[in-house]
Amino acid sequence: MAKKTVEERISKKKTEIEQLQKRIDADNQKLKKLKGELEVLETSQVMTILEDFKMSPDELRSLLRTQSYSALKNANTQVQSSQQ
């Protein structure tokens, strides 16, 4: 009798695990799909900006590099001044 009860509990746990794994797999597929959709939207946003400002991708890259360099330089200056 005790053996049957343990086997039933094991069976129930296995069923719960299978159901949970199916939900996890479904959520992972949904996450992958949403990430893809987000990437498409972000690309579309960048293309819209380029069209609105009549910028070439090379001009945008150059601008972003300049902005990034300036931001890094400012952050480095702030760190150095806070260390003194």
Protein backbone atom coordinates (compact mmCIF):
# COMPACT_ATOMS: atom_id res chain seq x y z
CA MET A 1 0.00 0.00 0.00
CA ALA A 2 2.77 2.47 0.93
CA LYS A 3 4.63 1.54 -2.25
CA LYS A 4 1.58 2.40 -4.35
CA THR A 5 1.19 5.78 -2.62
CA VAL A 6 4.85 6.64 -3.25
CA GLU A 7 4.53 5.59 -6.89
CA GLU A 8 1.43 7.77 -7.27
CA ARG A 9 3.25 10.75 -5.77
CA ILE A 10 6.22 10.16 -8.06
CA SER A 11 3.88 9.95 -11.05
CA LYS A 12 2.14 13.20 -10.06
CA LYS A 13 5.48 14.99 -9.64
CA LYS A 14 6.63 13.76 -13.06
CA THR A 15 3.39 15.03 -14.59
CA GLU A 16 3.84 18.41 -12.88
CA ILE A 17 7.41 18.59 -14.16
CA GLU A 18 6.31 17.79 -17.72
CA GLN A 19 3.59 20.44 -17.60
CA LEU A 20 5.99 23.02 -16.20
CA GLN A 21 8.59 22.16 -18.85
CA LYS A 22 5.96 22.66 -21.58
CA ARG A 23 5.10 26.09 -20.16
CA ILE A 24 8.79 27.00 -19.97
CA ASP A 25 9.32 25.91 -23.58
CA ALA A 26 6.30 27.94 -24.70
CA ASP A 27 7.56 30.98 -22.78
CA ASN A 28 11.04 30.58 -24.31
CA GLN A 29 9.51 30.50 -27.80
CA LYS A 30 7.43 33.58 -26.99
CA LEU A 31 10.53 35.34 -25.63
CA LYS A 32 12.50 34.53 -28.78
CA LYS A 33 9.65 35.83 -30.95
CA LEU A 34 9.33 39.05 -28.93
CA LYS A 35 13.09 39.67 -29.08
CA GLY A 36 12.93 39.29 -32.86
CA GLU A 37 10.01 41.70 -33.09
CA LEU A 38 11.85 44.20 -30.89
CA GLU A 39 14.93 43.99 -33.08
CA VAL A 40 12.82 44.67 -36.18
CA LEU A 41 11.16 47.67 -34.49
CA GLU A 42 14.50 49.09 -33.36
CA THR A 43 15.90 48.71 -36.86
CA SER A 44 12.83 50.42 -38.26
CA GLN A 45 13.24 53.23 -35.74
CA VAL A 46 16.86 53.79 -36.76
CA MET A 47 15.93 53.77 -40.44
CA THR A 48 13.17 56.32 -39.78
CA ILE A 49 15.63 58.58 -37.97
CA LEU A 50 18.08 58.27 -40.84
CA GLU A 51 15.37 59.18 -43.34
CA ASP A 52 14.08 62.09 -41.23
CA PHE A 53 17.52 63.63 -40.84
CA LYS A 54 18.64 62.58 -44.31
CA MET A 55 21.69 60.87 -42.81
CA SER A 56 23.66 58.04 -44.29
CA PRO A 57 24.50 55.09 -42.06
CA ASP A 58 28.15 56.16 -42.17
CA GLU A 59 27.26 59.65 -40.93
CA LEU A 60 25.23 58.14 -38.09
CA ARG A 61 28.09 55.82 -37.13
CA SER A 62 30.48 58.74 -37.10
CA LEU A 63 28.11 60.80 -34.97
CA LEU A 64 27.60 57.95 -32.52
CA ARG A 65 31.35 57.37 -32.23
CA THR A 66 31.90 61.06 -31.50
CA GLN A 67 29.09 61.10 -28.93
CA SER A 68 30.35 57.89 -27.31
CA TYR A 69 33.90 59.22 -27.15
CA SER A 70 32.70 62.48 -25.58
CA ALA A 71 30.57 60.62 -23.04
CA LEU A 72 33.45 58.33 -22.10
CA LYS A 73 35.81 61.27 -21.81
CA ASN A 74 33.36 63.12 -19.52
CA ALA A 75 32.83 60.03 -17.37
CA ASN A 76 36.58 59.51 -17.07
CA THR A 77 37.06 63.15 -16.03
CA GLN A 78 34.34 62.81 -13.37
CA VAL A 79 35.91 59.63 -11.99
CA GLN A 80 39.32 61.26 -11.80
CA SER A 81 37.96 64.35 -10.02
CA SER A 82 36.05 62.22 -7.51
CA GLN A 83 39.19 60.24 -6.70
CA GLN A 84 41.11 63.38 -5.76
